[in-house]
Amino acid sequence: MNKILDIITAKMQQAFIDAGYDASFGRVTVSNRPDLCEYQCNGALSAAKQYKCAPIAIANAVVEKLDANDYSLVEAVMPGFINLKLSGGFLRNYLDEMRTSPDFGVEKVGAGKSAVVDYGGANVAKPLHIGHLRPAIIGESLKRLHKFMGYDTIGDVHLGDWGLQMGLIIAELHERQPELPYFDPDFTGDYPAESPFTLTELEEIYPTASSKKSDPVFAEKAHTATYELQQGRRGYRAIWDHIMGVSLPDLRRIYGVLDVHFEKWLGESDADPYIPAMVSDLKERGIAVQSEGAWVIPVAEDTDKKDVPPMILVKSDGSAIYATTDLATMVQRMQDWNPDKMLYVTDKRQNLHFEQVFRAAKKSGIVKAETELQHVGHGTMNGADGKPFKTRDGGVLRLETLISDMTDFVRSKVVENKIVGEDEVEATTAKIALAALKYGDLSNQPTKDYNFDLERFAAFEGNTGPYILYTIVRIKSILARYGDWKHLSIQEPANPEAKELMLTITKFGPTMESALSNLAPNMICAYIYELAGTANKFYHETPILKEENEQLKAGYIALMGLTKEILETCIELLGFEAPEKM
């Protein structure tokens, strides 16, 4: 379904042609003076120079060629502007087509294409902390948006499960329980099925081991254990299996609370088998060159305005690094899925890292020249005071604690205001809290830092998730009181508030395309805040259910129904849903 701006631009271009002028002057834009008109065309001003004619004369000639049935206002004004307001009939037809079209007629720009969204970035054996919030919910939203826009989309958590932290845990476990069979090189039996540590113990073992990295003896043990694990030492692989078995269920649980779901739970360990052949190939083809004992891939370009260092492929001690693993992961993804696009959602401080990796991937031919590689670098979440978010003792706040704090705060408001009955408190609280948390984050531009404010994010008024939910619940209540409404057709706007709401609805498709092209869920947030505002204004100014004219009432209800469905679609793309009551 064509966007409304494209439709009226095409009509304007034809009018320019019919009036004897070039179609290129017929571009229509949304008016920057909504008090005067809804859309405008300034092409006559530019055409005047080429045709050596007064712009107002050109504008008048073009206006005469436009179909007056499409507009409630079409006028040429000095010095040569063409002002437009759409007719009620035009809007009625357009919205009714939206109502009956799959996904409201949005063009599936990703149809026939595939995308991999790399987000989450959890480290096995460590609890998720507040730093994991933004990549999880931004990535989940971008994945859902790509699916909605037609892409065959895969979300991959890309676990940190193969690095030094594994060696640190093995070394610490060896110091604590050296008698375990995993450390006996001569052991040939079956290793215990039960893990030698619980989740709570594992989450204590790692930080303890990490604090010993400055001890050269312990550090050497950890590096040796990491190397031997990666070389396939049987006992260490068994410990690794236990670490994964204990850690993954908890990661899945917490991501599930956030309504974040990955199609693939792959990690650095899955990329490791691809590294030897990849490194050998890059060396043989001269893509990788030696520098101070290391192997690097030069990625600087003549157009660079600042230095871009070579990407280190193999360190001088022969070990691989994150960049090596990221390249090998691309090898795996191209072989298994051959995606048209790969998105990486991480902290923006990794911008240089991904610039190096992307250039190396293109230079080496690991990915095709036309494959889109994009890093969505996000800012940080700070406390309400603008300072880094810390616990009372100065530590990093666990993500589960943050979710619990938001849930407790929302629950107190739900109970205090008696929003629902006792049997519905927990389910309603969970939905409102998730909306508050996600919308509070996603309404900010991804690259920007923001301050986490519990009270502001959970407020039922203003630009918040609960306000959006309240609007949806209010509309659902109206529709329920009316009865069967889904067969009703859109009618011409009966008042200015209805027309404003209809015009806002027409922005849905363009907003989705803009959010996709800019990788910006905040654009969806801005749109639904505007849509909720115009819906509430329409509700307050229009006696919807008290309207005595049944045909007029049916038109109001159809408009409310379409508004609700678009709002629900948008919050699904953002990763939350509305309760039945609020």
Protein backbone atom coordinates (compact mmCIF):
# COMPACT_ATOMS: atom_id res chain seq x y z
CA MET A 1 0.00 0.00 0.00
CA ASN A 2 1.45 3.35 -1.04
CA LYS A 3 2.22 5.93 1.61
CA ILE A 4 -0.16 8.85 1.64
CA LEU A 5 2.63 11.33 0.92
CA ASP A 6 3.67 9.32 -2.14
CA ILE A 7 0.09 9.31 -3.41
CA ILE A 8 -0.45 13.04 -3.18
CA THR A 9 3.07 13.72 -4.52
CA ALA A 10 2.29 11.61 -7.59
CA LYS A 11 -0.94 13.54 -8.07
CA MET A 12 0.94 16.83 -7.70
CA GLN A 13 3.62 15.76 -10.18
CA GLN A 14 0.94 14.87 -12.71
CA ALA A 15 -0.67 18.27 -12.17
CA PHE A 16 2.67 19.97 -12.92
CA ILE A 17 2.94 17.92 -16.11
CA ASP A 18 -0.63 18.74 -17.13
CA ALA A 19 0.09 22.42 -16.54
CA GLY A 20 3.14 22.22 -18.82
CA TYR A 21 5.92 21.98 -16.24
CA ASP A 22 8.42 19.32 -15.24
CA ALA A 23 7.18 16.68 -12.75
CA SER A 24 10.29 17.09 -10.57
CA PHE A 25 8.82 20.31 -9.14
CA GLY A 26 5.81 18.47 -7.72
CA ARG A 27 7.30 17.20 -4.47
CA VAL A 28 4.86 17.46 -1.56
CA THR A 29 5.92 17.70 2.09
CA VAL A 30 4.14 17.71 5.41
CA SER A 31 3.35 21.34 6.20
CA ASN A 32 5.55 23.20 8.65
CA ARG A 33 2.54 25.44 9.31
CA PRO A 34 -0.21 23.05 10.42
CA ASP A 35 -2.35 26.05 11.35
CA LEU A 36 -2.57 26.86 7.63
CA CYS A 37 -2.54 23.49 5.90
CA GLU A 38 -1.66 19.81 6.23
CA TYR A 39 0.62 19.44 3.22
CA GLN A 40 2.40 21.87 0.96
CA CYS A 41 4.29 22.04 -2.30
CA ASN A 42 6.90 24.75 -2.91
CA GLY A 43 7.94 23.56 -6.36
CA ALA A 44 6.52 26.60 -8.16
CA LEU A 45 9.19 28.76 -6.54
CA SER A 46 11.95 26.65 -8.09
CA ALA A 47 10.13 26.23 -11.40
CA ALA A 48 9.86 30.00 -11.78
CA LYS A 49 13.61 30.29 -12.35
CA GLN A 50 13.62 27.67 -15.10
CA TYR A 51 10.47 28.84 -16.86
CA LYS A 52 11.05 32.55 -16.23
CA CYS A 53 7.54 32.97 -14.95
CA ALA A 54 6.03 34.33 -11.75
CA PRO A 55 5.80 31.48 -9.20
CA ILE A 56 2.24 32.39 -8.24
CA ALA A 57 1.20 31.99 -11.90
CA ILE A 58 2.71 28.50 -11.99
CA ALA A 59 1.09 27.59 -8.66
CA ASN A 60 -2.33 28.75 -9.88
CA ALA A 61 -1.97 26.77 -13.10
CA VAL A 62 -1.07 23.61 -11.18
CA VAL A 63 -3.92 24.02 -8.69
CA GLU A 64 -6.41 24.10 -11.56
CA LYS A 65 -5.20 20.64 -12.65
CA LEU A 66 -5.63 19.00 -9.21
CA ASP A 67 -8.71 16.92 -8.44
CA ALA A 68 -10.69 19.02 -5.97
CA ASN A 69 -12.39 15.89 -4.62
CA ASP A 70 -9.14 14.89 -2.95
CA TYR A 71 -8.87 18.05 -0.89
CA SER A 72 -10.93 20.16 1.46
CA LEU A 73 -8.43 22.94 0.80
CA VAL A 74 -6.27 23.43 -2.28
CA GLU A 75 -4.96 26.93 -2.86
CA ALA A 76 -2.08 28.86 -4.32
CA VAL A 77 -0.78 31.61 -2.05
CA MET A 78 1.89 34.23 -2.50
CA PRO A 79 4.62 34.08 -3.48
CA GLY A 80 3.89 30.63 -4.98
CA PHE A 81 3.10 28.07 -2.30
CA ILE A 82 0.48 25.38 -2.87
CA ASN A 83 -1.37 24.55 0.35
CA LEU A 84 -3.37 21.35 0.78
CA LYS A 85 -5.80 19.83 3.22
CA LEU A 86 -7.06 16.33 2.48
CA SER A 87 -10.77 15.77 2.05
CA GLY A 88 -12.72 13.57 4.41
CA GLY A 89 -13.49 11.21 1.57
CA PHE A 90 -9.83 10.78 0.69
CA LEU A 91 -8.94 10.01 4.30
CA ARG A 92 -11.88 7.65 4.72
CA ASN A 93 -10.84 5.60 1.69
CA TYR A 94 -7.20 5.53 2.71
CA LEU A 95 -7.84 4.43 6.30
CA ASP A 96 -10.40 1.85 5.26
CA GLU A 97 -7.78 0.32 2.96
CA MET A 98 -5.33 0.34 5.88
CA ARG A 99 -7.94 -1.35 8.07
CA THR A 100 -8.48 -4.21 5.61
CA SER A 101 -4.87 -4.68 4.45
CA PRO A 102 -2.43 -7.11 6.11
CA ASP A 103 -0.30 -5.22 8.66
CA PHE A 104 -2.17 -2.02 7.75
CA GLY A 105 -0.69 -1.98 4.25
CA VAL A 106 2.92 -1.45 5.33
CA GLU A 107 5.32 -2.15 2.48
CA LYS A 108 7.45 -5.20 3.30
CA VAL A 109 10.77 -3.68 2.31
CA GLY A 110 12.64 -6.71 3.68
CA ALA A 111 10.68 -9.34 1.75
CA GLY A 112 13.04 -11.93 0.30
CA LYS A 113 15.91 -10.79 2.53
CA SER A 114 17.35 -12.12 5.76
CA ALA A 115 18.91 -10.48 8.79
CA VAL A 116 20.85 -11.61 11.84
CA VAL A 117 20.57 -9.47 14.95
CA ASP A 118 23.43 -10.05 17.40
CA TYR A 119 22.32 -8.77 20.79
CA GLY A 120 22.28 -9.67 24.46
CA GLY A 121 25.98 -10.44 24.82
CA ALA A 122 25.58 -12.26 28.12
CA ASN A 123 28.65 -13.81 29.72
CA VAL A 124 28.18 -17.33 31.01
CA ALA A 125 28.82 -17.79 34.75
CA LYS A 126 28.12 -14.13 35.48
CA PRO A 127 24.74 -12.72 36.55
CA LEU A 128 23.12 -10.28 34.15
CA HIS A 129 23.57 -6.70 35.32
CA ILE A 130 22.06 -3.37 34.31
CA GLY A 131 24.55 -3.06 31.46
CA HIS A 132 22.73 -5.95 29.77
CA LEU A 133 19.38 -4.15 29.75
CA ARG A 134 19.87 -1.87 26.77
CA PRO A 135 21.34 -4.37 24.27
CA ALA A 136 18.64 -6.88 25.21
CA ILE A 137 15.61 -4.66 24.72
CA ILE A 138 16.97 -2.55 21.85
CA GLY A 139 18.05 -5.69 20.02
CA GLU A 140 14.74 -7.46 20.67
CA SER A 141 12.81 -4.47 19.32
CA LEU A 142 15.00 -4.20 16.21
CA LYS A 143 14.60 -7.93 15.59
CA ARG A 144 10.82 -7.68 15.86
CA LEU A 145 10.79 -4.62 13.59
CA HIS A 146 12.84 -6.42 10.92
CA LYS A 147 10.46 -9.38 11.06
CA PHE A 148 7.47 -7.06 10.75
CA MET A 149 9.03 -5.38 7.73
CA GLY A 150 9.44 -8.70 5.92
CA TYR A 151 12.93 -9.89 6.82
CA ASP A 152 13.59 -13.53 7.66
CA THR A 153 15.21 -12.68 10.97
CA ILE A 154 17.39 -14.56 13.44
CA GLY A 155 18.26 -13.21 16.88
CA ASP A 156 21.51 -14.59 18.32
CA VAL A 157 22.53 -13.99 21.94
CA HIS A 158 26.26 -14.50 21.11
CA LEU A 159 27.29 -15.75 24.53
CA GLY A 160 30.65 -15.05 26.08
CA ASP A 161 31.40 -18.69 26.86
CA TRP A 162 34.91 -19.46 25.68
CA GLY A 163 37.32 -16.88 27.01
CA LEU A 164 39.53 -16.38 30.01
CA GLN A 165 36.62 -16.38 32.45
CA MET A 166 36.32 -20.13 31.86
CA GLY A 167 39.97 -20.65 32.68
CA LEU A 168 39.62 -18.51 35.79
CA ILE A 169 36.70 -20.63 37.02
CA ILE A 170 38.57 -23.88 36.32
CA ALA A 171 41.69 -22.63 38.11
CA GLU A 172 39.69 -21.48 41.15
CA LEU A 173 37.74 -24.75 41.28
CA HIS A 174 41.02 -26.67 41.15
CA GLU A 175 42.33 -24.73 44.13
CA ARG A 176 39.16 -25.45 46.10
CA GLN A 177 38.55 -29.06 45.12
CA PRO A 178 41.71 -30.53 43.58
CA GLU A 179 40.44 -34.05 44.27
CA LEU A 180 37.68 -33.76 41.63
CA PRO A 181 38.14 -36.22 38.75
CA TYR A 182 38.11 -33.39 36.20
CA PHE A 183 41.67 -32.50 37.21
CA ASP A 184 43.07 -36.05 37.05
CA PRO A 185 44.71 -36.40 33.61
CA ASP A 186 44.61 -40.21 33.94
CA PHE A 187 40.88 -40.42 34.68
CA THR A 188 39.09 -42.39 31.95
CA GLY A 189 35.66 -42.98 33.45
CA ASP A 190 32.44 -41.06 33.15
CA TYR A 191 32.41 -37.68 34.86
CA PRO A 192 29.62 -36.96 37.38
CA ALA A 193 26.31 -35.92 35.87
CA GLU A 194 25.72 -33.54 38.76
CA SER A 195 27.56 -30.25 38.73
CA PRO A 196 30.17 -29.66 41.44
CA PHE A 197 28.70 -26.20 42.06
CA THR A 198 25.32 -24.51 42.22
CA LEU A 199 24.40 -21.30 40.43
CA THR A 200 24.93 -19.32 43.64
CA GLU A 201 28.34 -20.90 44.15
CA LEU A 202 29.31 -20.32 40.52
CA GLU A 203 28.40 -16.65 40.81
CA GLU A 204 30.75 -16.44 43.80
CA ILE A 205 33.57 -18.48 42.22
CA TYR A 206 34.03 -16.24 39.20
CA PRO A 207 34.50 -12.84 40.94
CA THR A 208 36.81 -14.49 43.47
CA ALA A 209 38.90 -15.93 40.65
CA SER A 210 38.81 -12.66 38.73
CA SER A 211 40.19 -10.80 41.74
CA LYS A 212 43.29 -13.02 41.58
CA LYS A 213 44.28 -12.07 38.03
CA SER A 214 47.03 -9.83 39.38
CA ASP A 215 48.66 -12.88 40.98
CA PRO A 216 51.11 -14.08 38.29
CA VAL A 217 51.00 -17.69 39.47
CA PHE A 218 47.21 -17.87 39.48
CA ALA A 219 46.99 -15.93 36.22
CA GLU A 220 49.31 -18.45 34.56
CA LYS A 221 47.14 -21.32 35.82
CA ALA A 222 44.02 -19.62 34.42
CA HIS A 223 45.60 -18.97 31.02
CA THR A 224 46.85 -22.55 30.85
CA ALA A 225 43.41 -23.86 31.78
CA THR A 226 41.83 -21.66 29.09
CA TYR A 227 44.25 -22.96 26.48
CA GLU A 228 43.76 -26.59 27.49
CA LEU A 229 39.98 -26.19 27.48
CA GLN A 230 40.09 -24.78 23.97
CA GLN A 231 42.40 -27.59 22.90
CA GLY A 232 39.78 -30.09 24.07
CA ARG A 233 41.07 -31.38 27.41
CA ARG A 234 38.38 -33.86 28.40
CA GLY A 235 38.01 -32.94 32.08
CA TYR A 236 37.90 -29.22 31.38
CA ARG A 237 35.27 -29.69 28.71
CA ALA A 238 33.17 -31.54 31.29
CA ILE A 239 33.53 -28.59 33.70
CA TRP A 240 32.55 -26.27 30.85
CA ASP A 241 29.44 -28.39 30.24
CA HIS A 242 28.53 -28.00 33.92
CA ILE A 243 29.04 -24.22 33.76
CA MET A 244 26.74 -24.00 30.75
CA GLY A 245 24.17 -26.34 32.31
CA VAL A 246 23.99 -24.28 35.50
CA SER A 247 24.19 -20.81 33.94
CA LEU A 248 22.03 -21.00 30.82
CA PRO A 249 18.67 -21.80 32.49
CA ASP A 250 19.02 -18.71 34.68
CA LEU A 251 19.93 -16.52 31.72
CA ARG A 252 16.91 -17.83 29.82
CA ARG A 253 14.69 -17.15 32.83
CA ILE A 254 15.72 -13.52 33.25
CA TYR A 255 15.59 -12.79 29.53
CA GLY A 256 12.14 -14.40 29.57
CA VAL A 257 10.97 -11.99 32.28
CA LEU A 258 12.03 -9.18 29.90
CA ASP A 259 10.10 -10.91 27.08
CA VAL A 260 13.38 -11.18 25.18
CA HIS A 261 13.71 -14.38 23.16
CA PHE A 262 16.60 -15.54 20.99
CA GLU A 263 16.23 -17.88 18.04
CA LYS A 264 19.84 -18.99 18.54
CA TRP A 265 21.83 -19.45 21.74
CA LEU A 266 25.23 -19.61 20.10
CA GLY A 267 28.45 -18.32 21.59
CA GLU A 268 32.14 -17.83 21.14
CA SER A 269 32.62 -21.58 21.55
CA ASP A 270 30.54 -22.19 18.41
CA ALA A 271 32.80 -19.88 16.41
CA ASP A 272 36.03 -21.40 17.72
CA PRO A 273 36.13 -24.36 15.26
CA TYR A 274 36.11 -21.93 12.33
CA ILE A 275 39.15 -19.98 13.52
CA PRO A 276 42.09 -22.23 12.40
CA ALA A 277 41.00 -22.55 8.78
CA MET A 278 40.02 -18.87 8.61
CA VAL A 279 43.36 -17.67 10.00
CA SER A 280 45.29 -19.99 7.69
CA ASP A 281 43.36 -18.74 4.67
CA LEU A 282 43.85 -15.07 5.56
CA LYS A 283 47.57 -15.63 5.97
CA GLU A 284 47.91 -17.54 2.71
CA ARG A 285 46.08 -14.87 0.70
CA GLY A 286 48.11 -12.07 2.22
CA ILE A 287 45.08 -10.46 3.83
CA ALA A 288 46.76 -10.90 7.20
CA VAL A 289 50.32 -9.63 7.57
CA GLN A 290 52.86 -9.83 10.35
CA SER A 291 53.47 -6.86 12.62
CA GLU A 292 55.69 -7.00 15.72
CA GLY A 293 55.14 -10.75 15.98
CA ALA A 294 51.37 -10.56 15.65
CA TRP A 295 49.20 -11.18 12.60
CA VAL A 296 47.05 -8.20 11.67
CA ILE A 297 44.69 -7.10 8.90
CA PRO A 298 45.32 -3.50 7.77
CA VAL A 299 41.93 -1.80 7.46
CA ALA A 300 42.81 1.89 7.14
CA GLU A 301 41.35 3.68 4.09
CA ASP A 302 42.56 6.75 2.21
CA THR A 303 39.37 8.61 3.10
CA ASP A 304 39.78 8.14 6.86
CA LYS A 305 39.84 11.41 8.77
CA LYS A 306 41.31 9.73 11.84
CA ASP A 307 43.61 6.77 12.37
CA VAL A 308 42.02 3.34 12.14
CA PRO A 309 44.53 0.80 13.48
CA PRO A 310 44.94 -2.64 11.92
CA MET A 311 42.67 -5.34 13.28
CA ILE A 312 44.67 -7.82 15.32
CA LEU A 313 43.89 -11.34 14.12
CA VAL A 314 46.38 -13.36 16.17
CA LYS A 315 48.44 -11.95 19.04
CA SER A 316 52.19 -12.41 19.21
CA ASP A 317 51.71 -15.26 21.70
CA GLY A 318 49.54 -17.09 19.16
CA SER A 319 46.21 -16.49 20.88
CA ALA A 320 43.02 -15.22 19.29
CA ILE A 321 41.05 -12.22 20.56
CA TYR A 322 37.48 -10.94 20.35
CA ALA A 323 38.00 -9.65 16.81
CA THR A 324 39.15 -13.10 15.71
CA THR A 325 36.04 -14.67 17.20
CA ASP A 326 33.77 -12.04 15.63
CA LEU A 327 35.26 -12.71 12.18
CA ALA A 328 34.88 -16.47 12.68
CA THR A 329 31.28 -15.92 13.76
CA MET A 330 30.69 -14.14 10.44
CA VAL A 331 32.18 -17.14 8.63
CA GLN A 332 29.71 -19.40 10.42
CA ARG A 333 26.74 -17.09 9.76
CA MET A 334 27.53 -16.73 6.07
CA GLN A 335 27.88 -20.50 5.67
CA ASP A 336 24.75 -21.36 7.63
CA TRP A 337 22.38 -18.49 6.83
CA ASN A 338 23.98 -16.20 4.20
CA PRO A 339 22.16 -13.12 5.60
CA ASP A 340 21.72 -9.89 3.67
CA LYS A 341 22.21 -7.89 6.86
CA MET A 342 23.95 -8.33 10.21
CA LEU A 343 23.26 -6.00 13.12
CA TYR A 344 25.37 -5.85 16.26
CA VAL A 345 23.80 -4.20 19.30
CA THR A 346 26.44 -3.33 21.90
CA ASP A 347 27.82 -0.41 23.89
CA LYS A 348 28.82 2.47 21.60
CA ARG A 349 32.31 2.36 23.10
CA GLN A 350 32.89 -0.64 20.82
CA ASN A 351 32.44 1.46 17.68
CA LEU A 352 36.09 1.23 16.64
CA HIS A 353 36.20 -2.51 17.26
CA PHE A 354 33.28 -3.13 14.93
CA GLU A 355 34.57 -0.70 12.33
CA GLN A 356 37.78 -2.74 12.20
CA VAL A 357 35.94 -6.09 12.10
CA PHE A 358 33.50 -4.94 9.41
CA ARG A 359 36.29 -3.63 7.20
CA ALA A 360 38.28 -6.83 7.66
CA ALA A 361 35.22 -8.92 6.80
CA LYS A 362 34.65 -7.00 3.57
CA LYS A 363 38.35 -6.85 2.63
CA SER A 364 38.79 -10.59 3.14
CA GLY A 365 35.59 -11.56 1.35
CA ILE A 366 34.23 -13.29 4.45
CA VAL A 367 31.05 -11.37 3.73
CA LYS A 368 29.85 -10.23 0.34
CA ALA A 369 30.38 -6.64 -0.75
CA GLU A 370 26.63 -6.01 -0.67
CA THR A 371 26.07 -7.49 2.81
CA GLU A 372 24.98 -4.81 5.26
CA LEU A 373 27.03 -4.71 8.44
CA GLN A 374 25.83 -2.25 11.04
CA HIS A 375 26.78 -1.57 14.63
CA VAL A 376 23.99 -0.16 16.78
CA GLY A 377 26.08 1.42 19.51
CA HIS A 378 23.97 2.37 22.52
CA GLY A 379 24.63 4.80 25.34
CA THR A 380 24.61 3.99 29.02
CA MET A 381 21.83 4.04 31.61
CA ASN A 382 22.66 6.18 34.61
CA GLY A 383 20.89 6.77 37.90
CA ALA A 384 18.34 9.54 38.38
CA ASP A 385 21.21 11.78 39.51
CA GLY A 386 23.02 11.30 36.20
CA LYS A 387 25.80 9.27 37.78
CA PRO A 388 26.64 5.63 36.95
CA PHE A 389 24.03 3.26 38.35
CA LYS A 390 25.49 1.49 41.39
CA THR A 391 24.25 -0.50 44.35
CA ARG A 392 24.43 1.02 47.84
CA ASP A 393 27.78 -0.67 48.43
CA GLY A 394 29.14 0.66 45.12
CA GLY A 395 28.76 -2.55 43.11
CA VAL A 396 27.10 -3.15 39.76
CA LEU A 397 23.33 -3.58 40.10
CA ARG A 398 21.98 -6.93 38.98
CA LEU A 399 19.42 -6.75 36.20
CA GLU A 400 17.08 -8.98 38.17
CA THR A 401 17.19 -6.47 41.03
CA LEU A 402 16.34 -3.59 38.71
CA ILE A 403 13.36 -5.52 37.31
CA SER A 404 12.25 -6.38 40.86
CA ASP A 405 12.51 -2.76 41.99
CA MET A 406 10.34 -1.58 39.08
CA THR A 407 7.83 -4.38 39.67
CA ASP A 408 7.55 -3.62 43.39
CA PHE A 409 7.04 0.08 42.71
CA VAL A 410 4.32 -0.55 40.11
CA ARG A 411 2.62 -3.16 42.31
CA SER A 412 2.28 -0.61 45.12
CA LYS A 413 0.53 1.78 42.73
CA VAL A 414 -1.75 -0.94 41.36
CA VAL A 415 -2.80 -1.97 44.86
CA GLU A 416 -3.08 1.58 46.22
CA ASN A 417 -5.31 2.71 43.35
CA LYS A 418 -7.28 -0.58 43.29
CA ILE A 419 -6.77 -0.82 39.54
CA VAL A 420 -7.72 -4.51 39.43
CA GLY A 421 -8.95 -7.21 41.74
CA GLU A 422 -6.54 -9.10 43.98
CA ASP A 423 -6.44 -12.10 41.63
CA GLU A 424 -5.24 -9.90 38.76
CA VAL A 425 -2.65 -7.79 40.59
CA GLU A 426 0.44 -9.81 39.71
CA ALA A 427 -0.32 -10.28 36.00
CA THR A 428 -1.31 -6.64 35.56
CA THR A 429 1.69 -5.41 37.55
CA ALA A 430 4.10 -7.46 35.42
CA LYS A 431 2.77 -5.96 32.18
CA ILE A 432 2.80 -2.38 33.43
CA ALA A 433 6.27 -2.72 34.96
CA LEU A 434 7.70 -4.18 31.75
CA ALA A 435 6.13 -1.37 29.72
CA ALA A 436 7.55 1.22 32.11
CA LEU A 437 11.02 -0.30 31.95
CA LYS A 438 11.16 -0.88 28.19
CA TYR A 439 9.45 2.31 27.06
CA GLY A 440 11.57 4.34 29.47
CA ASP A 441 14.64 3.01 27.68
CA LEU A 442 13.43 2.73 24.09
CA SER A 443 11.93 6.23 23.99
CA ASN A 444 15.50 7.52 24.09
CA GLN A 445 17.69 7.58 21.00
CA PRO A 446 19.83 4.42 21.24
CA THR A 447 23.14 6.28 21.04
CA LYS A 448 22.26 8.67 23.86
CA ASP A 449 22.87 8.13 27.57
CA TYR A 450 19.80 8.52 29.79
CA ASN A 451 18.90 8.68 33.45
CA PHE A 452 16.77 5.95 34.95
CA ASP A 453 13.94 7.51 36.94
CA LEU A 454 11.63 4.97 38.56
CA GLU A 455 8.81 7.39 39.36
CA ARG A 456 8.86 9.14 35.99
CA PHE A 457 9.00 5.92 33.95
CA ALA A 458 6.14 4.34 35.94
CA ALA A 459 3.88 7.41 35.82
CA PHE A 460 0.45 6.95 34.26
CA GLU A 461 0.65 10.38 32.64
CA GLY A 462 3.17 11.88 30.25
CA ASN A 463 5.42 10.19 27.73
CA THR A 464 5.59 6.81 29.48
CA GLY A 465 4.79 3.17 28.84
CA PRO A 466 1.94 3.07 31.39
CA TYR A 467 0.30 6.07 29.68
CA ILE A 468 0.35 4.20 26.36
CA LEU A 469 -1.12 1.12 28.05
CA TYR A 470 -3.80 3.19 29.75
CA THR A 471 -4.85 4.63 26.38
CA ILE A 472 -5.13 1.14 24.88
CA VAL A 473 -7.11 -0.16 27.87
CA ARG A 474 -9.45 2.84 27.69
CA ILE A 475 -10.12 2.16 24.00
CA LYS A 476 -10.67 -1.55 24.68
CA SER A 477 -13.25 -0.62 27.30
CA ILE A 478 -15.12 1.58 24.81
CA LEU A 479 -15.10 -1.15 22.18
CA ALA A 480 -16.28 -3.78 24.68
CA ARG A 481 -19.20 -1.61 25.71
CA TYR A 482 -20.18 -1.12 22.07
CA GLY A 483 -20.05 -4.79 21.13
CA ASP A 484 -19.13 -6.33 17.77
CA TRP A 485 -17.07 -3.66 15.96
CA LYS A 486 -14.58 -5.41 13.68
CA HIS A 487 -16.90 -5.36 10.65
CA LEU A 488 -17.41 -1.58 10.84
CA SER A 489 -15.97 0.66 8.12
CA ILE A 490 -14.11 3.93 8.53
CA GLN A 491 -16.20 7.02 7.80
CA GLU A 492 -15.35 10.60 6.93
CA PRO A 493 -14.16 12.63 9.93
CA ALA A 494 -17.11 14.20 11.72
CA ASN A 495 -15.05 16.77 13.62
CA PRO A 496 -11.52 18.27 13.68
CA GLU A 497 -10.39 15.85 16.39
CA ALA A 498 -11.42 12.88 14.27
CA LYS A 499 -9.49 14.25 11.31
CA GLU A 500 -6.39 14.86 13.43
CA LEU A 501 -6.56 11.28 14.64
CA MET A 502 -6.99 9.98 11.10
CA LEU A 503 -4.02 11.99 9.86
CA THR A 504 -1.90 10.61 12.69
CA ILE A 505 -2.91 7.06 11.80
CA THR A 506 -1.67 7.60 8.23
CA LYS A 507 1.85 8.16 9.61
CA PHE A 508 2.12 4.52 10.73
CA GLY A 509 3.74 3.14 7.57
CA PRO A 510 6.28 5.97 7.13
CA THR A 511 7.19 5.70 10.82
CA MET A 512 7.93 1.99 10.51
CA GLU A 513 10.13 2.59 7.47
CA SER A 514 11.99 5.43 9.21
CA ALA A 515 12.49 3.38 12.37
CA LEU A 516 13.90 0.54 10.27
CA SER A 517 16.22 2.66 8.14
CA ASN A 518 17.51 4.56 11.18
CA LEU A 519 17.54 1.49 13.48
CA ALA A 520 15.68 3.64 15.97
CA PRO A 521 12.87 2.15 18.12
CA ASN A 522 12.55 5.61 19.71
CA MET A 523 10.76 6.71 16.52
CA ILE A 524 8.05 4.14 17.23
CA CYS A 525 7.78 5.47 20.79
CA ALA A 526 7.43 9.04 19.53
CA TYR A 527 4.73 7.95 17.08
CA ILE A 528 2.58 6.07 19.58
CA TYR A 529 2.85 8.92 22.07
CA GLU A 530 1.47 11.23 19.38
CA LEU A 531 -1.18 8.68 18.41
CA ALA A 532 -2.23 8.14 22.03
CA GLY A 533 -2.46 11.90 22.51
CA THR A 534 -4.70 12.45 19.47
CA ALA A 535 -6.82 9.43 20.47
CA ASN A 536 -7.38 10.82 23.97
CA LYS A 537 -8.16 14.26 22.55
CA PHE A 538 -10.74 12.70 20.22
CA TYR A 539 -12.20 10.73 23.14
CA HIS A 540 -12.54 13.81 25.34
CA GLU A 541 -14.10 15.97 22.61
CA THR A 542 -16.44 13.38 21.09
CA PRO A 543 -19.44 11.68 22.78
CA ILE A 544 -18.55 8.31 21.22
CA LEU A 545 -20.97 5.97 23.01
CA LYS A 546 -23.56 8.67 23.72
CA GLU A 547 -23.87 9.58 20.03
CA GLU A 548 -27.51 9.05 19.03
CA ASN A 549 -26.81 8.78 15.29
CA GLU A 550 -25.97 5.08 14.98
CA GLN A 551 -24.11 5.49 11.69
CA LEU A 552 -21.98 8.27 13.15
CA LYS A 553 -21.35 6.19 16.27
CA ALA A 554 -20.26 3.23 14.15
CA GLY A 555 -17.73 5.47 12.39
CA TYR A 556 -16.34 6.63 15.72
CA ILE A 557 -16.02 3.04 16.91
CA ALA A 558 -14.30 1.90 13.71
CA LEU A 559 -11.77 4.70 14.11
CA MET A 560 -11.17 3.74 17.73
CA GLY A 561 -10.73 0.09 16.75
CA LEU A 562 -8.13 0.89 14.12
CA THR A 563 -6.29 3.12 16.60
CA LYS A 564 -6.22 0.32 19.18
CA GLU A 565 -4.88 -2.24 16.72
CA ILE A 566 -2.10 0.05 15.53
CA LEU A 567 -1.12 0.91 19.11
CA GLU A 568 -1.07 -2.79 20.01
CA THR A 569 1.07 -3.58 16.96
CA CYS A 570 3.53 -0.87 17.94
CA ILE A 571 3.94 -1.98 21.55
CA GLU A 572 4.43 -5.55 20.36
CA LEU A 573 7.32 -4.28 18.23
CA LEU A 574 8.70 -2.55 21.33
CA GLY A 575 8.39 -5.77 23.32
CA PHE A 576 5.48 -5.41 25.73
CA GLU A 577 1.69 -5.79 25.83
CA ALA A 578 -1.33 -4.19 27.44
CA PRO A 579 -3.41 -5.66 30.28
CA GLU A 580 -7.18 -5.87 30.10
CA LYS A 581 -7.76 -3.38 32.90
CA MET A 582 -5.95 -0.40 34.38
